[in-house]
Amino acid sequence: MSGGVVLRRAGGPDAGAVADVWLRSYGAALPTVVRARSDDEVRAYFRDVVVPERETWLAEADGRVVGVMVLAEDVLSQLYLDPAWRGRGVGDRFVALAKERSPRGLTLWTFQVNKPAHRFYERHGFVAVESTDGSGNEEREPDVRYVWRP
């Protein structure tokens, strides 16, 4: 399903396309969650912080960025796919890569309202270990912490 898709580290020139995938995905997957940052702030954050300072991976198909994953040691801090690319195996490949890069385990946060993400991560062996009222995140949205241990 994800044949022809290349996973590679993102570089500076990729920051705009990576941010655009994040914006499209967030809007489609989380329509009820109020974003804490404007589109321009998101783009600047990816350009100035995420891509240059974090382990940022992208999925590319036919020269177009269709997904992004960001790792921070054992934290899978971002995994977003272009809405047209959901259900095509790209997310599965990203999770396999994250497990390979962090073989002793991973943790992540997702919003409680994002039930498709819960199903996706649980299918990949992640277990919900904590739920919060959202007071600890920028969006003030209730969230869930997931953990994967080999």
C-alpha atoms as a PDB file:
ATOM      1  CA  MET A   1       0.000   0.000   0.000  1.00  0.00           C
ATOM      2  CA  SER A   2       2.794   2.470   0.821  1.00  0.00           C
ATOM      3  CA  GLY A   3       5.026   1.298  -2.043  1.00  0.00           C
ATOM      4  CA  GLY A   4       6.769   4.178  -3.733  1.00  0.00           C
ATOM      5  CA  VAL A   5       6.837   6.105  -0.453  1.00  0.00           C
ATOM      6  CA  VAL A   6      10.285   6.973   0.844  1.00  0.00           C
ATOM      7  CA  LEU A   7      10.939   7.711   4.512  1.00  0.00           C
ATOM      8  CA  ARG A   8      13.881  10.049   5.076  1.00  0.00           C
ATOM      9  CA  ARG A   9      15.209  12.623   7.511  1.00  0.00           C
ATOM     10  CA  ALA A  10      13.847  16.091   6.920  1.00  0.00           C
ATOM     11  CA  GLY A  11      16.191  18.962   6.204  1.00  0.00           C
ATOM     12  CA  GLY A  12      15.792  22.728   6.256  1.00  0.00           C
ATOM     13  CA  PRO A  13      14.283  22.965   2.764  1.00  0.00           C
ATOM     14  CA  ASP A  14      11.562  20.474   3.817  1.00  0.00           C
ATOM     15  CA  ALA A  15      10.265  22.505   6.766  1.00  0.00           C
ATOM     16  CA  GLY A  16       7.478  24.287   4.865  1.00  0.00           C
ATOM     17  CA  ALA A  17       6.098  21.097   3.306  1.00  0.00           C
ATOM     18  CA  VAL A  18       6.334  19.258   6.630  1.00  0.00           C
ATOM     19  CA  ALA A  19       4.443  22.042   8.416  1.00  0.00           C
ATOM     20  CA  ASP A  20       1.787  22.030   5.693  1.00  0.00           C
ATOM     21  CA  VAL A  21       1.218  18.280   6.187  1.00  0.00           C
ATOM     22  CA  TRP A  22       0.897  18.883   9.922  1.00  0.00           C
ATOM     23  CA  LEU A  23      -1.649  21.664   9.347  1.00  0.00           C
ATOM     24  CA  ARG A  24      -3.765  19.607   6.904  1.00  0.00           C
ATOM     25  CA  SER A  25      -3.667  16.522   9.099  1.00  0.00           C
ATOM     26  CA  TYR A  26      -4.453  18.364  12.321  1.00  0.00           C
ATOM     27  CA  GLY A  27      -7.387  20.132  10.717  1.00  0.00           C
ATOM     28  CA  ALA A  28      -8.825  16.897   9.325  1.00  0.00           C
ATOM     29  CA  ALA A  29      -8.199  14.657  12.351  1.00  0.00           C
ATOM     30  CA  LEU A  30      -8.914  17.137  15.132  1.00  0.00           C
ATOM     31  CA  PRO A  31     -11.619  19.538  13.929  1.00  0.00           C
ATOM     32  CA  THR A  32     -12.915  20.189  17.454  1.00  0.00           C
ATOM     33  CA  VAL A  33      -9.518  20.892  19.017  1.00  0.00           C
ATOM     34  CA  VAL A  34      -8.581  24.559  19.142  1.00  0.00           C
ATOM     35  CA  ARG A  35      -4.999  24.995  17.977  1.00  0.00           C
ATOM     36  CA  ALA A  36      -2.706  26.962  20.240  1.00  0.00           C
ATOM     37  CA  ARG A  37      -0.733  28.434  17.303  1.00  0.00           C
ATOM     38  CA  SER A  38      -1.654  30.173  14.061  1.00  0.00           C
ATOM     39  CA  ASP A  39      -0.660  28.685  10.688  1.00  0.00           C
ATOM     40  CA  ASP A  40       2.259  31.119  10.467  1.00  0.00           C
ATOM     41  CA  GLU A  41       3.408  30.239  13.988  1.00  0.00           C
ATOM     42  CA  VAL A  42       3.240  26.515  13.160  1.00  0.00           C
ATOM     43  CA  ARG A  43       5.315  27.060  10.023  1.00  0.00           C
ATOM     44  CA  ALA A  44       7.893  29.112  11.950  1.00  0.00           C
ATOM     45  CA  TYR A  45       8.049  26.477  14.705  1.00  0.00           C
ATOM     46  CA  PHE A  46       8.745  23.707  12.183  1.00  0.00           C
ATOM     47  CA  ARG A  47      11.290  25.879  10.337  1.00  0.00           C
ATOM     48  CA  ASP A  48      13.135  27.183  13.409  1.00  0.00           C
ATOM     49  CA  VAL A  49      12.767  24.402  15.984  1.00  0.00           C
ATOM     50  CA  VAL A  50      11.351  21.066  14.839  1.00  0.00           C
ATOM     51  CA  VAL A  51      13.295  20.367  11.652  1.00  0.00           C
ATOM     52  CA  PRO A  52      16.689  21.758  12.729  1.00  0.00           C
ATOM     53  CA  GLU A  53      16.616  20.591  16.371  1.00  0.00           C
ATOM     54  CA  ARG A  54      14.566  17.378  16.474  1.00  0.00           C
ATOM     55  CA  GLU A  55      14.819  14.013  14.787  1.00  0.00           C
ATOM     56  CA  THR A  56      12.293  14.792  12.083  1.00  0.00           C
ATOM     57  CA  TRP A  57      11.344  12.213   9.456  1.00  0.00           C
ATOM     58  CA  LEU A  58       9.136  12.667   6.455  1.00  0.00           C
ATOM     59  CA  ALA A  59       7.321  10.390   4.045  1.00  0.00           C
ATOM     60  CA  GLU A  60       7.646  11.402   0.422  1.00  0.00           C
ATOM     61  CA  ALA A  61       5.668  10.123  -2.573  1.00  0.00           C
ATOM     62  CA  ASP A  62       6.282  11.384  -6.096  1.00  0.00           C
ATOM     63  CA  GLY A  63       8.326  14.287  -4.727  1.00  0.00           C
ATOM     64  CA  ARG A  64       5.557  15.386  -2.367  1.00  0.00           C
ATOM     65  CA  VAL A  65       5.664  15.231   1.446  1.00  0.00           C
ATOM     66  CA  VAL A  66       2.750  13.096   2.663  1.00  0.00           C
ATOM     67  CA  GLY A  67       3.686  12.471   6.301  1.00  0.00           C
ATOM     68  CA  VAL A  68       5.828  13.601   9.203  1.00  0.00           C
ATOM     69  CA  MET A  69       7.137  11.939  12.352  1.00  0.00           C
ATOM     70  CA  VAL A  70       9.204  13.584  15.065  1.00  0.00           C
ATOM     71  CA  LEU A  71      11.161  11.685  17.690  1.00  0.00           C
ATOM     72  CA  ALA A  72      12.739  13.071  20.840  1.00  0.00           C
ATOM     73  CA  GLU A  73      14.733  10.166  22.257  1.00  0.00           C
ATOM     74  CA  ASP A  74      12.051   7.732  23.490  1.00  0.00           C
ATOM     75  CA  VAL A  75       9.144  10.109  22.796  1.00  0.00           C
ATOM     76  CA  LEU A  76       7.177   9.876  19.577  1.00  0.00           C
ATOM     77  CA  SER A  77       6.198  13.528  19.711  1.00  0.00           C
ATOM     78  CA  GLN A  78       4.519  13.951  16.306  1.00  0.00           C
ATOM     79  CA  LEU A  79       3.022  11.613  13.715  1.00  0.00           C
ATOM     80  CA  TYR A  80       0.812  13.263  11.128  1.00  0.00           C
ATOM     81  CA  LEU A  81      -0.232  12.130   7.658  1.00  0.00           C
ATOM     82  CA  ASP A  82      -1.749  14.010   4.783  1.00  0.00           C
ATOM     83  CA  PRO A  83      -5.452  13.073   5.033  1.00  0.00           C
ATOM     84  CA  ALA A  84      -5.377  11.430   1.581  1.00  0.00           C
ATOM     85  CA  TRP A  85      -2.593   9.117   2.802  1.00  0.00           C
ATOM     86  CA  ARG A  86      -4.273   7.779   5.952  1.00  0.00           C
ATOM     87  CA  GLY A  87      -4.899   4.036   5.870  1.00  0.00           C
ATOM     88  CA  ARG A  88      -2.225   3.387   3.246  1.00  0.00           C
ATOM     89  CA  GLY A  89       0.493   1.929   5.482  1.00  0.00           C
ATOM     90  CA  VAL A  90       2.630   5.052   5.894  1.00  0.00           C
ATOM     91  CA  GLY A  91       1.818   5.401   9.597  1.00  0.00           C
ATOM     92  CA  ASP A  92       2.665   1.724  10.110  1.00  0.00           C
ATOM     93  CA  ARG A  93       6.068   2.333   8.538  1.00  0.00           C
ATOM     94  CA  PHE A  94       6.657   5.372  10.727  1.00  0.00           C
ATOM     95  CA  VAL A  95       5.847   3.401  13.896  1.00  0.00           C
ATOM     96  CA  ALA A  96       8.153   0.563  12.804  1.00  0.00           C
ATOM     97  CA  LEU A  97      10.918   3.123  12.260  1.00  0.00           C
ATOM     98  CA  ALA A  98      10.263   4.722  15.664  1.00  0.00           C
ATOM     99  CA  LYS A  99      10.500   1.308  17.351  1.00  0.00           C
ATOM    100  CA  GLU A 100      13.727   0.597  15.476  1.00  0.00           C
ATOM    101  CA  ARG A 101      15.199   3.955  16.546  1.00  0.00           C
ATOM    102  CA  SER A 102      14.050   3.493  20.167  1.00  0.00           C
ATOM    103  CA  PRO A 103      14.131  -0.277  20.750  1.00  0.00           C
ATOM    104  CA  ARG A 104      13.790  -0.047  24.537  1.00  0.00           C
ATOM    105  CA  GLY A 105      10.391   1.591  24.322  1.00  0.00           C
ATOM    106  CA  LEU A 106       8.414   4.644  23.330  1.00  0.00           C
ATOM    107  CA  THR A 107       5.913   6.977  24.849  1.00  0.00           C
ATOM    108  CA  LEU A 108       3.513   9.447  23.241  1.00  0.00           C
ATOM    109  CA  TRP A 109       0.561  11.682  23.946  1.00  0.00           C
ATOM    110  CA  THR A 110      -2.625  11.953  21.931  1.00  0.00           C
ATOM    111  CA  PHE A 111      -5.859  13.789  22.567  1.00  0.00           C
ATOM    112  CA  GLN A 112      -8.723  11.845  24.137  1.00  0.00           C
ATOM    113  CA  VAL A 113     -11.040  12.859  21.281  1.00  0.00           C
ATOM    114  CA  ASN A 114      -8.715  11.274  18.696  1.00  0.00           C
ATOM    115  CA  LYS A 115     -10.210   7.777  18.810  1.00  0.00           C
ATOM    116  CA  PRO A 116      -8.692   6.732  15.436  1.00  0.00           C
ATOM    117  CA  ALA A 117      -5.231   7.473  16.876  1.00  0.00           C
ATOM    118  CA  HIS A 118      -6.036   5.382  19.968  1.00  0.00           C
ATOM    119  CA  ARG A 119      -6.986   2.426  17.761  1.00  0.00           C
ATOM    120  CA  PHE A 120      -3.899   2.907  15.587  1.00  0.00           C
ATOM    121  CA  TYR A 121      -1.436   2.994  18.486  1.00  0.00           C
ATOM    122  CA  GLU A 122      -3.138   0.161  20.368  1.00  0.00           C
ATOM    123  CA  ARG A 123      -2.906  -1.960  17.206  1.00  0.00           C
ATOM    124  CA  HIS A 124       0.851  -1.329  17.339  1.00  0.00           C
ATOM    125  CA  GLY A 125       1.169  -2.512  20.939  1.00  0.00           C
ATOM    126  CA  PHE A 126       0.921   0.815  22.757  1.00  0.00           C
ATOM    127  CA  VAL A 127      -0.972   0.826  26.058  1.00  0.00           C
ATOM    128  CA  ALA A 128      -2.773   3.803  27.593  1.00  0.00           C
ATOM    129  CA  VAL A 129      -1.195   4.496  30.986  1.00  0.00           C
ATOM    130  CA  GLU A 130      -2.415   7.975  31.930  1.00  0.00           C
ATOM    131  CA  SER A 131      -5.258  10.366  31.120  1.00  0.00           C
ATOM    132  CA  THR A 132      -5.264  14.060  31.945  1.00  0.00           C
ATOM    133  CA  ASP A 133      -7.657  16.992  31.866  1.00  0.00           C
ATOM    134  CA  GLY A 134      -5.402  18.769  29.365  1.00  0.00           C
ATOM    135  CA  SER A 135      -4.068  21.385  31.760  1.00  0.00           C
ATOM    136  CA  GLY A 136      -0.515  20.363  30.816  1.00  0.00           C
ATOM    137  CA  ASN A 137      -0.775  20.981  27.060  1.00  0.00           C
ATOM    138  CA  GLU A 138      -1.008  24.157  24.983  1.00  0.00           C
ATOM    139  CA  GLU A 139      -4.458  23.338  23.650  1.00  0.00           C
ATOM    140  CA  ARG A 140      -5.912  22.642  27.109  1.00  0.00           C
ATOM    141  CA  GLU A 141      -7.439  19.501  25.596  1.00  0.00           C
ATOM    142  CA  PRO A 142      -7.788  16.263  27.629  1.00  0.00           C
ATOM    143  CA  ASP A 143      -5.140  13.808  26.513  1.00  0.00           C
ATOM    144  CA  VAL A 144      -3.848  10.268  26.961  1.00  0.00           C
ATOM    145  CA  ARG A 145      -0.289   9.040  27.386  1.00  0.00           C
ATOM    146  CA  TYR A 146       0.565   5.786  25.621  1.00  0.00           C
ATOM    147  CA  VAL A 147       3.588   3.564  26.208  1.00  0.00           C
ATOM    148  CA  TRP A 148       5.123   0.796  24.097  1.00  0.00           C
ATOM    149  CA  ARG A 149       7.573  -1.649  25.635  1.00  0.00           C
ATOM    150  CA  PRO A 150       9.138  -4.499  23.642  1.00  0.00           C
END
